Amino acid sequence: MGDHLNDEIRENASGPAKASCDAGSVEQHKLTEQIAADKHLAGKDAVRKPNRGLRFNKIVPPSAG
């Protein structure tokens, strides 16, 4: 899902902010709102991971045997 959202943000950023024609007009979400949505979804994905970015290691010096 993250790749799809990144593609959508990239596509929306390259397109016009507003478009209008005889049938009506279209306006996209602001880029800041899209970035906030991406950060929110990335945070939700990070919480689902089992180690959550923390790793604990036990360091034993060679002389301690």
Protein backbone atom coordinates (compact mmCIF):
# COMPACT_ATOMS: atom_id res chain seq x y z
CA MET A 1 0.00 0.00 0.00
CA GLY A 2 2.89 2.37 0.69
CA ASP A 3 4.18 2.20 -2.87
CA HIS A 4 0.72 2.88 -4.22
CA LEU A 5 0.31 5.92 -1.96
CA ASN A 6 3.75 7.22 -2.92
CA ASP A 7 2.79 6.89 -6.58
CA GLU A 8 -0.49 8.71 -5.96
CA ILE A 9 1.26 11.59 -4.16
CA ARG A 10 3.82 11.85 -6.96
CA GLU A 11 1.06 11.82 -9.60
CA ASN A 12 -1.06 14.41 -7.76
CA ALA A 13 1.93 16.70 -7.28
CA SER A 14 2.71 16.68 -11.00
CA GLY A 15 -0.89 17.42 -11.98
CA PRO A 16 -2.78 20.72 -11.81
CA ALA A 17 -4.33 21.92 -8.56
CA LYS A 18 -7.63 22.81 -10.27
CA ALA A 19 -9.24 21.83 -13.54
CA SER A 20 -12.53 22.99 -14.96
CA CYS A 21 -14.51 22.31 -18.11
CA ASP A 22 -18.10 22.38 -19.30
CA ALA A 23 -19.00 19.35 -17.19
CA GLY A 24 -17.67 20.83 -13.94
CA SER A 25 -14.49 21.39 -12.01
CA VAL A 26 -12.06 19.22 -10.08
CA GLU A 27 -9.77 20.15 -7.20
CA GLN A 28 -7.20 17.87 -5.58
CA HIS A 29 -6.23 17.71 -1.94
CA LYS A 30 -3.39 19.95 -0.85
CA LEU A 31 0.07 18.43 -0.95
CA THR A 32 0.53 19.05 2.77
CA GLU A 33 -2.58 16.97 3.45
CA GLN A 34 -1.30 14.18 1.21
CA ILE A 35 2.06 14.17 3.01
CA ALA A 36 0.31 14.07 6.39
CA ALA A 37 -1.76 11.10 5.22
CA ASP A 38 1.38 9.33 4.03
CA LYS A 39 3.12 9.89 7.38
CA HIS A 40 0.05 8.65 9.25
CA LEU A 41 -0.16 5.45 7.22
CA ALA A 42 3.61 4.89 7.51
CA GLY A 43 3.30 5.22 11.28
CA LYS A 44 0.50 2.69 11.37
CA ASP A 45 2.62 0.25 9.36
CA ALA A 46 5.58 0.80 11.71
CA VAL A 47 3.48 -0.02 14.78
CA ARG A 48 2.40 -3.34 13.24
CA LYS A 49 6.01 -4.55 12.98
CA PRO A 50 7.05 -6.83 15.84
CA ASN A 51 10.28 -5.05 16.84
CA ARG A 52 8.97 -1.50 16.24
CA GLY A 53 12.43 -0.19 15.46
CA LEU A 54 13.95 -1.28 18.77
CA ARG A 55 16.55 -3.98 19.00
CA PHE A 56 18.19 -5.07 22.22
CA ASN A 57 21.56 -6.77 22.15
CA LYS A 58 23.59 -8.16 25.00
CA ILE A 59 27.23 -7.14 24.71
CA VAL A 60 29.68 -9.48 26.43
CA PRO A 61 33.35 -8.42 26.52
CA PRO A 62 35.82 -11.20 25.61
CA SER A 63 37.49 -11.13 29.03
CA ALA A 64 34.21 -11.81 30.87
CA GLY A 65 34.10 -15.34 29.44
